[in-house]
Amino acid sequence: MKVAIVGASGAVGQEFLRVLDERNFPMDELVLFGSERSAGKKYTFKGKEYTVQLLKHGNDFKGVDIAFTSAGAGVSKEYAEDITKFGAIMIDNSSAFRMDDQVPLVVPECNAKDALVRPKGIIANPNCTTIMMVVVLQPLEKLSHIKRIHIASYQAASGAGAAAMAELEQQYREVLDGKPVTVNKFAYQLAYNVIPQIDVFTDNGYTKEEMKMFNETRKIMHSDVKCSAMCVRVPSLRSHSEAVWIETERPISVEEAQNAIANGEGIQLMDDPANKKYPMPLFLAGKDDVYVGRVRKDLANENGLTLWLVGDQIKKGAALNAVQIGEYLIKEGVVK
């Protein structure tokens, strides 16, 4: 098996290398691609050194079985034909194809079988906040259909990439040293602040990030659920958090919900408020699963529950989800 990573030098590209190594992904060859800025960089994987090749139009993907792409929507759209024309399956981490009717949008714990039908040879990886939320909602949906979701996200600097993480660290140093604060990756200083905007605003007053949660959730869960989101950038370094309120067709007890979550795939229940045990991003960076706590009845809705979840945006919210899709394709004999 031959695997390619497009965008190898970025935060998600580097996470791909770590996850592929951790999970001992079954491959015989690896090739790395990047921009002119990244071409020529060297990375070590399983004791062997690899050089990033310049991504260009042509036949460089001939013989590739799976291509993990994470270089932005523009790059994905421009190079999709080059990547897939010889039969490679493109597992794309950008927003380029998520709402394309001919491209499955897959979270393996929820809708793995969708990956088997891919007319364009492309499988889309959902938005990070959506991935983490639907993993948790899937076992609850099995108890009773979820009609409405309200969600407030608390998204770490990692969601904007490696340079954004570095900028947050730099901002804290600058503030503490009394120096002018560097602001390049965000609209405002993020250190000691929160910014109630992620991505650009649309005509209805919601940002693109918030609309992704509405549209992607429905596509992944094959559901008519309505999702209203408020996405906020917070000054944590890595791992996103979400406060989620759901309304189901019938009331679900807290005990039912906790049991379903505890037995769900890719989820860990961390819900012992009496002993101050609940998920926090500071302690969950690098973890595979999504962690859930503060499960309780919604006091404003008799058919409602509310909960708190935390997951590593770069890992499960990006690289790990894509690699799990690849593992599923191998298990089903799609690629060998």
C-alpha atoms as a PDB file:
ATOM      1  CA  MET A   1       0.000   0.000   0.000  1.00  0.00           C
ATOM      2  CA  LYS A   2       1.182   3.478  -0.905  1.00  0.00           C
ATOM      3  CA  VAL A   3       0.032   6.466   1.143  1.00  0.00           C
ATOM      4  CA  ALA A   4       0.427  10.169   0.380  1.00  0.00           C
ATOM      5  CA  ILE A   5       0.081  13.162   2.699  1.00  0.00           C
ATOM      6  CA  VAL A   6      -0.631  16.532   1.096  1.00  0.00           C
ATOM      7  CA  GLY A   7       0.167  19.442   3.403  1.00  0.00           C
ATOM      8  CA  ALA A   8       2.717  17.416   5.331  1.00  0.00           C
ATOM      9  CA  SER A   9       4.335  20.389   7.088  1.00  0.00           C
ATOM     10  CA  GLY A  10       1.145  21.807   8.593  1.00  0.00           C
ATOM     11  CA  ALA A  11      -0.244  21.055  12.063  1.00  0.00           C
ATOM     12  CA  VAL A  12      -2.629  18.411  10.729  1.00  0.00           C
ATOM     13  CA  GLY A  13      -0.031  17.009   8.331  1.00  0.00           C
ATOM     14  CA  GLN A  14       2.345  16.462  11.218  1.00  0.00           C
ATOM     15  CA  GLU A  15      -0.469  14.900  13.221  1.00  0.00           C
ATOM     16  CA  PHE A  16      -1.112  12.512  10.317  1.00  0.00           C
ATOM     17  CA  LEU A  17       2.454  11.238  10.683  1.00  0.00           C
ATOM     18  CA  ARG A  18       2.056  10.749  14.445  1.00  0.00           C
ATOM     19  CA  VAL A  19      -1.317   8.992  14.130  1.00  0.00           C
ATOM     20  CA  LEU A  20      -0.193   6.722  11.289  1.00  0.00           C
ATOM     21  CA  ASP A  21       2.771   5.728  13.444  1.00  0.00           C
ATOM     22  CA  GLU A  22       0.755   5.256  16.649  1.00  0.00           C
ATOM     23  CA  ARG A  23      -1.810   3.046  14.926  1.00  0.00           C
ATOM     24  CA  ASN A  24       0.757   1.165  12.860  1.00  0.00           C
ATOM     25  CA  PHE A  25      -1.212   1.926   9.709  1.00  0.00           C
ATOM     26  CA  PRO A  26      -0.503  -0.875   7.189  1.00  0.00           C
ATOM     27  CA  MET A  27       1.468   0.694   4.366  1.00  0.00           C
ATOM     28  CA  ASP A  28       4.536  -0.098   2.339  1.00  0.00           C
ATOM     29  CA  GLU A  29       5.318   3.346   0.897  1.00  0.00           C
ATOM     30  CA  LEU A  30       4.854   6.924   2.055  1.00  0.00           C
ATOM     31  CA  VAL A  31       5.193  10.101   0.033  1.00  0.00           C
ATOM     32  CA  LEU A  32       4.884  13.659   1.342  1.00  0.00           C
ATOM     33  CA  PHE A  33       3.751  16.712  -0.627  1.00  0.00           C
ATOM     34  CA  GLY A  34       3.721  20.401   0.198  1.00  0.00           C
ATOM     35  CA  SER A  35       3.888  23.936  -1.092  1.00  0.00           C
ATOM     36  CA  GLU A  36       6.994  25.700  -2.401  1.00  0.00           C
ATOM     37  CA  ARG A  37       7.607  26.866   1.157  1.00  0.00           C
ATOM     38  CA  SER A  38       7.539  23.292   2.487  1.00  0.00           C
ATOM     39  CA  ALA A  39       9.182  21.414  -0.394  1.00  0.00           C
ATOM     40  CA  GLY A  40      12.561  20.057   0.590  1.00  0.00           C
ATOM     41  CA  LYS A  41      11.800  19.771   4.310  1.00  0.00           C
ATOM     42  CA  LYS A  42      12.670  16.419   5.824  1.00  0.00           C
ATOM     43  CA  TYR A  43      10.664  14.397   8.327  1.00  0.00           C
ATOM     44  CA  THR A  44      11.387  11.081   9.996  1.00  0.00           C
ATOM     45  CA  PHE A  45       8.714   8.379  10.042  1.00  0.00           C
ATOM     46  CA  LYS A  46       9.381   4.960  11.568  1.00  0.00           C
ATOM     47  CA  GLY A  47      13.112   5.583  11.477  1.00  0.00           C
ATOM     48  CA  LYS A  48      13.228   6.563   7.821  1.00  0.00           C
ATOM     49  CA  GLU A  49      13.736  10.090   6.503  1.00  0.00           C
ATOM     50  CA  TYR A  50      11.292  11.486   3.944  1.00  0.00           C
ATOM     51  CA  THR A  51      11.627  14.671   1.903  1.00  0.00           C
ATOM     52  CA  VAL A  52       8.564  16.783   1.126  1.00  0.00           C
ATOM     53  CA  GLN A  53       7.989  16.958  -2.608  1.00  0.00           C
ATOM     54  CA  LEU A  54       6.522  20.001  -4.344  1.00  0.00           C
ATOM     55  CA  LEU A  55       2.817  19.511  -5.057  1.00  0.00           C
ATOM     56  CA  LYS A  56       2.286  20.056  -8.773  1.00  0.00           C
ATOM     57  CA  HIS A  57      -0.020  19.013 -11.570  1.00  0.00           C
ATOM     58  CA  GLY A  58       0.916  15.765 -13.279  1.00  0.00           C
ATOM     59  CA  ASN A  59       1.215  12.080 -12.523  1.00  0.00           C
ATOM     60  CA  ASP A  60       2.848  12.104  -9.080  1.00  0.00           C
ATOM     61  CA  PHE A  61      -0.098  10.250  -7.515  1.00  0.00           C
ATOM     62  CA  LYS A  62       0.126   7.271  -9.842  1.00  0.00           C
ATOM     63  CA  GLY A  63       0.294   4.165  -7.659  1.00  0.00           C
ATOM     64  CA  VAL A  64      -1.004   5.948  -4.538  1.00  0.00           C
ATOM     65  CA  ASP A  65      -3.822   4.057  -2.781  1.00  0.00           C
ATOM     66  CA  ILE A  66      -4.862   6.646  -0.178  1.00  0.00           C
ATOM     67  CA  ALA A  67      -4.064  10.352  -0.139  1.00  0.00           C
ATOM     68  CA  PHE A  68      -4.664  12.287   3.082  1.00  0.00           C
ATOM     69  CA  THR A  69      -5.020  15.956   2.137  1.00  0.00           C
ATOM     70  CA  SER A  70      -4.878  18.906   4.501  1.00  0.00           C
ATOM     71  CA  ALA A  71      -3.646  21.959   2.638  1.00  0.00           C
ATOM     72  CA  GLY A  72      -6.808  24.072   2.452  1.00  0.00           C
ATOM     73  CA  ALA A  73      -9.931  24.065   0.300  1.00  0.00           C
ATOM     74  CA  GLY A  74      -8.318  25.877  -2.622  1.00  0.00           C
ATOM     75  CA  VAL A  75      -5.524  23.339  -2.931  1.00  0.00           C
ATOM     76  CA  SER A  76      -7.946  20.424  -2.582  1.00  0.00           C
ATOM     77  CA  LYS A  77     -10.152  21.733  -5.361  1.00  0.00           C
ATOM     78  CA  GLU A  78      -7.225  22.485  -7.658  1.00  0.00           C
ATOM     79  CA  TYR A  79      -5.493  19.118  -7.268  1.00  0.00           C
ATOM     80  CA  ALA A  80      -8.414  16.705  -6.708  1.00  0.00           C
ATOM     81  CA  GLU A  81      -8.336  15.476 -10.301  1.00  0.00           C
ATOM     82  CA  ASP A  82      -4.556  14.916 -10.213  1.00  0.00           C
ATOM     83  CA  ILE A  83      -4.865  13.009  -6.950  1.00  0.00           C
ATOM     84  CA  THR A  84      -7.762  10.734  -7.944  1.00  0.00           C
ATOM     85  CA  LYS A  85      -7.274  10.154 -11.688  1.00  0.00           C
ATOM     86  CA  PHE A  86      -5.221   6.964 -11.233  1.00  0.00           C
ATOM     87  CA  GLY A  87      -7.545   5.518  -8.584  1.00  0.00           C
ATOM     88  CA  ALA A  88      -6.225   6.968  -5.335  1.00  0.00           C
ATOM     89  CA  ILE A  89      -8.883   7.601  -2.711  1.00  0.00           C
ATOM     90  CA  MET A  90      -8.619  11.190  -1.511  1.00  0.00           C
ATOM     91  CA  ILE A  91      -9.553  11.665   2.150  1.00  0.00           C
ATOM     92  CA  ASP A  92      -9.830  15.417   2.349  1.00  0.00           C
ATOM     93  CA  ASN A  93      -9.585  17.433   5.535  1.00  0.00           C
ATOM     94  CA  SER A  94     -10.683  20.756   4.006  1.00  0.00           C
ATOM     95  CA  SER A  95     -14.155  22.225   3.511  1.00  0.00           C
ATOM     96  CA  ALA A  96     -13.901  21.889  -0.283  1.00  0.00           C
ATOM     97  CA  PHE A  97     -16.198  18.913  -0.816  1.00  0.00           C
ATOM     98  CA  ARG A  98     -18.101  18.433   2.442  1.00  0.00           C
ATOM     99  CA  MET A  99     -21.486  19.435   1.086  1.00  0.00           C
ATOM    100  CA  ASP A 100     -20.994  17.928  -2.372  1.00  0.00           C
ATOM    101  CA  ASP A 101     -23.779  15.374  -2.934  1.00  0.00           C
ATOM    102  CA  GLN A 102     -21.297  13.047  -4.661  1.00  0.00           C
ATOM    103  CA  VAL A 103     -18.800  13.122  -1.792  1.00  0.00           C
ATOM    104  CA  PRO A 104     -19.523  11.216   1.431  1.00  0.00           C
ATOM    105  CA  LEU A 105     -18.933  13.123   4.668  1.00  0.00           C
ATOM    106  CA  VAL A 106     -17.783  10.528   7.167  1.00  0.00           C
ATOM    107  CA  VAL A 107     -17.284  10.070  10.890  1.00  0.00           C
ATOM    108  CA  PRO A 108     -16.573   6.331  11.249  1.00  0.00           C
ATOM    109  CA  GLU A 109     -18.406   5.985  14.581  1.00  0.00           C
ATOM    110  CA  CYS A 110     -21.551   7.382  12.943  1.00  0.00           C
ATOM    111  CA  ASN A 111     -21.732   6.608   9.221  1.00  0.00           C
ATOM    112  CA  ALA A 112     -18.722   4.553   8.141  1.00  0.00           C
ATOM    113  CA  LYS A 113     -20.675   2.784   5.377  1.00  0.00           C
ATOM    114  CA  ASP A 114     -21.109   6.089   3.539  1.00  0.00           C
ATOM    115  CA  ALA A 115     -17.405   5.835   2.652  1.00  0.00           C
ATOM    116  CA  LEU A 116     -18.146   2.886   0.376  1.00  0.00           C
ATOM    117  CA  VAL A 117     -19.976   5.053  -2.180  1.00  0.00           C
ATOM    118  CA  ARG A 118     -17.707   7.822  -3.512  1.00  0.00           C
ATOM    119  CA  PRO A 119     -18.413   8.689  -7.159  1.00  0.00           C
ATOM    120  CA  LYS A 120     -15.595  11.244  -7.288  1.00  0.00           C
ATOM    121  CA  GLY A 121     -13.041   9.119  -5.458  1.00  0.00           C
ATOM    122  CA  ILE A 122     -13.156  11.605  -2.580  1.00  0.00           C
ATOM    123  CA  ILE A 123     -14.229  11.229   1.046  1.00  0.00           C
ATOM    124  CA  ALA A 124     -14.603  14.415   3.073  1.00  0.00           C
ATOM    125  CA  ASN A 125     -13.506  14.783   6.683  1.00  0.00           C
ATOM    126  CA  PRO A 126     -16.029  16.979   8.549  1.00  0.00           C
ATOM    127  CA  ASN A 127     -15.296  20.130  10.488  1.00  0.00           C
ATOM    128  CA  CYS A 128     -13.588  19.462  13.811  1.00  0.00           C
ATOM    129  CA  THR A 129     -16.409  20.750  16.028  1.00  0.00           C
ATOM    130  CA  THR A 130     -18.946  18.708  14.079  1.00  0.00           C
ATOM    131  CA  ILE A 131     -16.896  15.507  14.353  1.00  0.00           C
ATOM    132  CA  MET A 132     -16.615  15.737  18.125  1.00  0.00           C
ATOM    133  CA  MET A 133     -20.288  16.558  18.608  1.00  0.00           C
ATOM    134  CA  VAL A 134     -21.768  13.828  16.378  1.00  0.00           C
ATOM    135  CA  VAL A 135     -19.559  11.139  17.960  1.00  0.00           C
ATOM    136  CA  VAL A 136     -21.253  11.976  21.265  1.00  0.00           C
ATOM    137  CA  LEU A 137     -24.759  12.426  19.827  1.00  0.00           C
ATOM    138  CA  GLN A 138     -24.811   9.147  17.885  1.00  0.00           C
ATOM    139  CA  PRO A 139     -25.522   6.871  20.909  1.00  0.00           C
ATOM    140  CA  LEU A 140     -28.148   9.342  22.142  1.00  0.00           C
ATOM    141  CA  GLU A 141     -29.841   9.378  18.726  1.00  0.00           C
ATOM    142  CA  LYS A 142     -30.261   5.604  19.108  1.00  0.00           C
ATOM    143  CA  LEU A 143     -32.256   6.189  22.308  1.00  0.00           C
ATOM    144  CA  SER A 144     -34.555   8.819  20.814  1.00  0.00           C
ATOM    145  CA  HIS A 145     -34.419  10.961  17.683  1.00  0.00           C
ATOM    146  CA  ILE A 146     -32.702  14.300  18.308  1.00  0.00           C
ATOM    147  CA  LYS A 147     -34.884  17.122  16.991  1.00  0.00           C
ATOM    148  CA  ARG A 148     -32.859  20.192  17.960  1.00  0.00           C
ATOM    149  CA  ILE A 149     -29.338  21.027  19.024  1.00  0.00           C
ATOM    150  CA  HIS A 150     -28.028  24.231  20.543  1.00  0.00           C
ATOM    151  CA  ILE A 151     -24.277  24.378  20.874  1.00  0.00           C
ATOM    152  CA  ALA A 152     -21.698  26.864  22.088  1.00  0.00           C
ATOM    153  CA  SER A 153     -18.134  25.994  21.139  1.00  0.00           C
ATOM    154  CA  TYR A 154     -14.966  27.060  22.915  1.00  0.00           C
ATOM    155  CA  GLN A 155     -12.342  26.546  20.220  1.00  0.00           C
ATOM    156  CA  ALA A 156      -8.624  26.507  20.906  1.00  0.00           C
ATOM    157  CA  ALA A 157      -5.940  28.274  18.900  1.00  0.00           C
ATOM    158  CA  SER A 158      -5.063  24.906  17.341  1.00  0.00           C
ATOM    159  CA  GLY A 159      -8.126  25.223  15.117  1.00  0.00           C
ATOM    160  CA  ALA A 160      -6.329  27.954  13.173  1.00  0.00           C
ATOM    161  CA  GLY A 161      -3.130  25.932  12.692  1.00  0.00           C
ATOM    162  CA  ALA A 162       0.390  25.674  14.026  1.00  0.00           C
ATOM    163  CA  ALA A 163       1.200  29.351  13.399  1.00  0.00           C
ATOM    164  CA  ALA A 164      -1.852  30.401  15.416  1.00  0.00           C
ATOM    165  CA  MET A 165      -0.773  28.250  18.342  1.00  0.00           C
ATOM    166  CA  ALA A 166       2.672  29.838  18.208  1.00  0.00           C
ATOM    167  CA  GLU A 167       1.109  33.302  18.055  1.00  0.00           C
ATOM    168  CA  LEU A 168      -0.992  32.681  21.172  1.00  0.00           C
ATOM    169  CA  GLU A 169       2.103  31.635  23.099  1.00  0.00           C
ATOM    170  CA  GLN A 170       3.938  34.703  21.785  1.00  0.00           C
ATOM    171  CA  GLN A 171       1.042  36.993  22.780  1.00  0.00           C
ATOM    172  CA  TYR A 172       1.101  35.777  26.373  1.00  0.00           C
ATOM    173  CA  ARG A 173       4.836  36.452  26.583  1.00  0.00           C
ATOM    174  CA  GLU A 174       4.411  39.908  25.045  1.00  0.00           C
ATOM    175  CA  VAL A 175       1.597  40.856  27.429  1.00  0.00           C
ATOM    176  CA  LEU A 176       3.567  39.716  30.459  1.00  0.00           C
ATOM    177  CA  ASP A 177       6.688  41.549  29.232  1.00  0.00           C
ATOM    178  CA  GLY A 178       4.747  44.742  28.558  1.00  0.00           C
ATOM    179  CA  LYS A 179       5.537  44.634  24.833  1.00  0.00           C
ATOM    180  CA  PRO A 180       3.250  45.415  21.864  1.00  0.00           C
ATOM    181  CA  VAL A 181       1.129  42.360  21.098  1.00  0.00           C
ATOM    182  CA  THR A 182       1.538  40.600  17.746  1.00  0.00           C
ATOM    183  CA  VAL A 183      -1.796  39.995  15.972  1.00  0.00           C
ATOM    184  CA  ASN A 184      -1.642  38.202  12.623  1.00  0.00           C
ATOM    185  CA  LYS A 185      -3.642  34.979  12.742  1.00  0.00           C
ATOM    186  CA  PHE A 186      -6.729  36.310  14.521  1.00  0.00           C
ATOM    187  CA  ALA A 187      -8.862  39.413  14.130  1.00  0.00           C
ATOM    188  CA  TYR A 188      -7.904  40.513  17.652  1.00  0.00           C
ATOM    189  CA  GLN A 189      -5.508  39.620  20.434  1.00  0.00           C
ATOM    190  CA  LEU A 190      -6.543  36.185  21.702  1.00  0.00           C
ATOM    191  CA  ALA A 191      -4.429  36.081  24.878  1.00  0.00           C
ATOM    192  CA  TYR A 192      -6.617  37.038  27.874  1.00  0.00           C
ATOM    193  CA  ASN A 193      -9.557  37.370  25.478  1.00  0.00           C
ATOM    194  CA  VAL A 194     -12.293  35.440  23.663  1.00  0.00           C
ATOM    195  CA  ILE A 195     -13.382  36.185  20.097  1.00  0.00           C
ATOM    196  CA  PRO A 196     -17.011  35.401  19.150  1.00  0.00           C
ATOM    197  CA  GLN A 197     -16.184  34.831  15.500  1.00  0.00           C
ATOM    198  CA  ILE A 198     -14.650  31.854  13.688  1.00  0.00           C
ATOM    199  CA  ASP A 199     -14.565  32.166   9.887  1.00  0.00           C
ATOM    200  CA  VAL A 200     -16.509  34.864   8.027  1.00  0.00           C
ATOM    201  CA  PHE A 201     -20.111  35.923   8.585  1.00  0.00           C
ATOM    202  CA  THR A 202     -22.864  34.835   6.212  1.00  0.00           C
ATOM    203  CA  ASP A 203     -26.023  36.730   5.273  1.00  0.00           C
ATOM    204  CA  ASN A 204     -28.049  35.231   8.137  1.00  0.00           C
ATOM    205  CA  GLY A 205     -25.644  36.515  10.799  1.00  0.00           C
ATOM    206  CA  TYR A 206     -24.077  33.121  11.454  1.00  0.00           C
ATOM    207  CA  THR A 207     -20.456  32.447  10.593  1.00  0.00           C
ATOM    208  CA  LYS A 208     -19.423  29.787   8.103  1.00  0.00           C
ATOM    209  CA  GLU A 209     -18.131  27.726  11.032  1.00  0.00           C
ATOM    210  CA  GLU A 210     -21.572  27.830  12.651  1.00  0.00           C
ATOM    211  CA  MET A 211     -23.336  26.943   9.409  1.00  0.00           C
ATOM    212  CA  LYS A 212     -20.971  23.990   8.938  1.00  0.00           C
ATOM    213  CA  MET A 213     -22.320  22.551  12.173  1.00  0.00           C
ATOM    214  CA  PHE A 214     -25.911  22.937  10.942  1.00  0.00           C
ATOM    215  CA  ASN A 215     -25.353  21.412   7.511  1.00  0.00           C
ATOM    216  CA  GLU A 216     -22.699  18.786   8.244  1.00  0.00           C
ATOM    217  CA  THR A 217     -24.557  17.305  11.228  1.00  0.00           C
ATOM    218  CA  ARG A 218     -27.620  16.649   9.073  1.00  0.00           C
ATOM    219  CA  LYS A 219     -25.559  15.025   6.328  1.00  0.00           C
ATOM    220  CA  ILE A 220     -23.533  12.778   8.650  1.00  0.00           C
ATOM    221  CA  MET A 221     -26.458  11.654  10.803  1.00  0.00           C
ATOM    222  CA  HIS A 222     -28.903  11.402   7.871  1.00  0.00           C
ATOM    223  CA  SER A 223     -31.222  13.495   9.976  1.00  0.00           C
ATOM    224  CA  ASP A 224     -33.570  16.466   9.822  1.00  0.00           C
ATOM    225  CA  VAL A 225     -32.102  17.771  13.090  1.00  0.00           C
ATOM    226  CA  LYS A 226     -31.764  21.535  13.421  1.00  0.00           C
ATOM    227  CA  CYS A 227     -28.538  22.824  14.941  1.00  0.00           C
ATOM    228  CA  SER A 228     -28.007  26.397  16.127  1.00  0.00           C
ATOM    229  CA  ALA A 229     -24.372  27.151  16.970  1.00  0.00           C
ATOM    230  CA  MET A 230     -22.299  29.935  18.501  1.00  0.00           C
ATOM    231  CA  CYS A 231     -18.612  29.321  17.796  1.00  0.00           C
ATOM    232  CA  VAL A 232     -16.067  31.176  19.914  1.00  0.00           C
ATOM    233  CA  ARG A 233     -12.255  31.252  19.828  1.00  0.00           C
ATOM    234  CA  VAL A 234     -10.786  30.962  23.324  1.00  0.00           C
ATOM    235  CA  PRO A 235      -7.172  31.302  24.519  1.00  0.00           C
ATOM    236  CA  SER A 236      -6.523  27.624  25.185  1.00  0.00           C
ATOM    237  CA  LEU A 237      -3.773  26.115  23.097  1.00  0.00           C
ATOM    238  CA  ARG A 238      -5.128  22.762  21.945  1.00  0.00           C
ATOM    239  CA  SER A 239      -8.413  20.799  22.242  1.00  0.00           C
ATOM    240  CA  HIS A 240     -11.856  22.260  21.641  1.00  0.00           C
ATOM    241  CA  SER A 241     -14.725  22.283  24.139  1.00  0.00           C
ATOM    242  CA  GLU A 242     -18.465  22.396  23.489  1.00  0.00           C
ATOM    243  CA  ALA A 243     -21.541  23.020  25.617  1.00  0.00           C
ATOM    244  CA  VAL A 244     -24.405  21.143  23.950  1.00  0.00           C
ATOM    245  CA  TRP A 245     -28.163  21.229  24.542  1.00  0.00           C
ATOM    246  CA  ILE A 246     -30.320  18.633  22.761  1.00  0.00           C
ATOM    247  CA  GLU A 247     -34.065  18.105  22.478  1.00  0.00           C
ATOM    248  CA  THR A 248     -35.233  14.552  21.800  1.00  0.00           C
ATOM    249  CA  GLU A 249     -38.618  13.152  20.762  1.00  0.00           C
ATOM    250  CA  ARG A 250     -39.054  11.506  24.158  1.00  0.00           C
ATOM    251  CA  PRO A 251     -37.442  12.422  27.449  1.00  0.00           C
ATOM    252  CA  ILE A 252     -34.113  10.687  28.073  1.00  0.00           C
ATOM    253  CA  SER A 253     -33.015  10.311  31.672  1.00  0.00           C
ATOM    254  CA  VAL A 254     -29.564  11.346  32.786  1.00  0.00           C
ATOM    255  CA  GLU A 255     -28.779   7.717  33.650  1.00  0.00           C
ATOM    256  CA  GLU A 256     -29.837   6.528  30.181  1.00  0.00           C
ATOM    257  CA  ALA A 257     -27.679   9.161  28.541  1.00  0.00           C
ATOM    258  CA  GLN A 258     -24.660   8.443  30.724  1.00  0.00           C
ATOM    259  CA  ASN A 259     -24.895   4.704  30.038  1.00  0.00           C
ATOM    260  CA  ALA A 260     -25.222   5.262  26.296  1.00  0.00           C
ATOM    261  CA  ILE A 261     -22.220   7.600  26.285  1.00  0.00           C
ATOM    262  CA  ALA A 262     -20.133   5.286  28.480  1.00  0.00           C
ATOM    263  CA  ASN A 263     -20.757   2.442  26.020  1.00  0.00           C
ATOM    264  CA  GLY A 264     -20.392   4.571  22.891  1.00  0.00           C
ATOM    265  CA  GLU A 265     -17.581   4.208  20.402  1.00  0.00           C
ATOM    266  CA  GLY A 266     -14.795   6.781  20.607  1.00  0.00           C
ATOM    267  CA  ILE A 267     -16.203   8.387  23.771  1.00  0.00           C
ATOM    268  CA  GLN A 268     -15.179   8.486  27.419  1.00  0.00           C
ATOM    269  CA  LEU A 269     -17.608   9.458  30.175  1.00  0.00           C
ATOM    270  CA  MET A 270     -15.893  11.738  32.704  1.00  0.00           C
ATOM    271  CA  ASP A 271     -18.822  12.849  34.800  1.00  0.00           C
ATOM    272  CA  ASP A 272     -18.312  13.071  38.550  1.00  0.00           C
ATOM    273  CA  PRO A 273     -19.008  16.702  39.465  1.00  0.00           C
ATOM    274  CA  ALA A 274     -19.062  15.965  43.207  1.00  0.00           C
ATOM    275  CA  ASN A 275     -15.356  15.218  42.925  1.00  0.00           C
ATOM    276  CA  LYS A 276     -14.721  17.940  40.339  1.00  0.00           C
ATOM    277  CA  LYS A 277     -14.198  15.412  37.564  1.00  0.00           C
ATOM    278  CA  TYR A 278     -15.188  16.743  34.155  1.00  0.00           C
ATOM    279  CA  PRO A 279     -13.355  17.177  30.836  1.00  0.00           C
ATOM    280  CA  MET A 280     -10.949  20.087  30.390  1.00  0.00           C
ATOM    281  CA  PRO A 281      -8.799  20.875  27.357  1.00  0.00           C
ATOM    282  CA  LEU A 282      -5.634  21.371  29.403  1.00  0.00           C
ATOM    283  CA  PHE A 283      -5.560  17.675  30.307  1.00  0.00           C
ATOM    284  CA  LEU A 284      -6.934  16.037  27.162  1.00  0.00           C
ATOM    285  CA  ALA A 285      -4.594  17.150  24.381  1.00  0.00           C
ATOM    286  CA  GLY A 286      -3.284  14.163  22.463  1.00  0.00           C
ATOM    287  CA  LYS A 287      -6.152  11.851  23.432  1.00  0.00           C
ATOM    288  CA  ASP A 288      -8.006   9.832  20.794  1.00  0.00           C
ATOM    289  CA  ASP A 289     -11.475   9.931  22.327  1.00  0.00           C
ATOM    290  CA  VAL A 290     -14.022  12.659  22.964  1.00  0.00           C
ATOM    291  CA  TYR A 291     -14.628  13.156  26.698  1.00  0.00           C
ATOM    292  CA  VAL A 292     -18.077  13.978  28.109  1.00  0.00           C
ATOM    293  CA  GLY A 293     -19.215  15.349  31.453  1.00  0.00           C
ATOM    294  CA  ARG A 294     -21.802  17.574  33.154  1.00  0.00           C
ATOM    295  CA  VAL A 295     -24.663  15.449  31.738  1.00  0.00           C
ATOM    296  CA  ARG A 296     -27.911  16.775  33.169  1.00  0.00           C
ATOM    297  CA  LYS A 297     -31.541  17.557  32.375  1.00  0.00           C
ATOM    298  CA  ASP A 298     -32.264  20.832  30.603  1.00  0.00           C
ATOM    299  CA  LEU A 299     -34.296  22.906  33.055  1.00  0.00           C
ATOM    300  CA  ALA A 300     -35.874  24.819  30.152  1.00  0.00           C
ATOM    301  CA  ASN A 301     -37.040  21.781  28.162  1.00  0.00           C
ATOM    302  CA  GLU A 302     -38.690  18.630  29.526  1.00  0.00           C
ATOM    303  CA  ASN A 303     -37.351  16.654  26.545  1.00  0.00           C
ATOM    304  CA  GLY A 304     -33.935  18.232  26.839  1.00  0.00           C
ATOM    305  CA  LEU A 305     -30.467  17.241  27.995  1.00  0.00           C
ATOM    306  CA  THR A 306     -27.328  19.303  28.263  1.00  0.00           C
ATOM    307  CA  LEU A 307     -23.723  18.150  28.386  1.00  0.00           C
ATOM    308  CA  TRP A 308     -20.109  19.300  28.080  1.00  0.00           C
ATOM    309  CA  LEU A 309     -17.545  17.697  25.793  1.00  0.00           C
ATOM    310  CA  VAL A 310     -13.853  18.108  25.041  1.00  0.00           C
ATOM    311  CA  GLY A 311     -11.784  16.637  22.223  1.00  0.00           C
ATOM    312  CA  ASP A 312      -8.416  17.187  20.609  1.00  0.00           C
ATOM    313  CA  GLN A 313      -9.150  19.228  17.498  1.00  0.00           C
ATOM    314  CA  ILE A 314      -5.982  18.256  15.641  1.00  0.00           C
ATOM    315  CA  LYS A 315      -6.310  14.579  16.513  1.00  0.00           C
ATOM    316  CA  LYS A 316      -9.902  13.304  16.519  1.00  0.00           C
ATOM    317  CA  GLY A 317     -11.115  16.547  14.988  1.00  0.00           C
ATOM    318  CA  ALA A 318      -8.854  16.081  11.962  1.00  0.00           C
ATOM    319  CA  ALA A 319      -6.054  13.528  11.457  1.00  0.00           C
ATOM    320  CA  LEU A 320      -7.370  10.608  13.500  1.00  0.00           C
ATOM    321  CA  ASN A 321     -10.831  10.737  11.946  1.00  0.00           C
ATOM    322  CA  ALA A 322      -9.280  10.625   8.465  1.00  0.00           C
ATOM    323  CA  VAL A 323      -6.978   7.734   9.364  1.00  0.00           C
ATOM    324  CA  GLN A 324      -9.933   5.833  10.850  1.00  0.00           C
ATOM    325  CA  ILE A 325     -11.706   6.254   7.506  1.00  0.00           C
ATOM    326  CA  GLY A 326      -8.634   4.752   5.834  1.00  0.00           C
ATOM    327  CA  GLU A 327      -8.654   1.852   8.297  1.00  0.00           C
ATOM    328  CA  TYR A 328     -12.313   1.191   7.530  1.00  0.00           C
ATOM    329  CA  LEU A 329     -11.595   1.094   3.791  1.00  0.00           C
ATOM    330  CA  ILE A 330      -8.862  -1.465   4.427  1.00  0.00           C
ATOM    331  CA  LYS A 331     -11.119  -3.559   6.671  1.00  0.00           C
ATOM    332  CA  GLU A 332     -13.785  -3.595   3.954  1.00  0.00           C
ATOM    333  CA  GLY A 333     -11.261  -4.652   1.317  1.00  0.00           C
ATOM    334  CA  VAL A 334     -11.632  -1.422  -0.692  1.00  0.00           C
ATOM    335  CA  VAL A 335      -7.872  -0.907  -0.605  1.00  0.00           C
ATOM    336  CA  LYS A 336      -5.276  -3.603   0.029  1.00  0.00           C
END
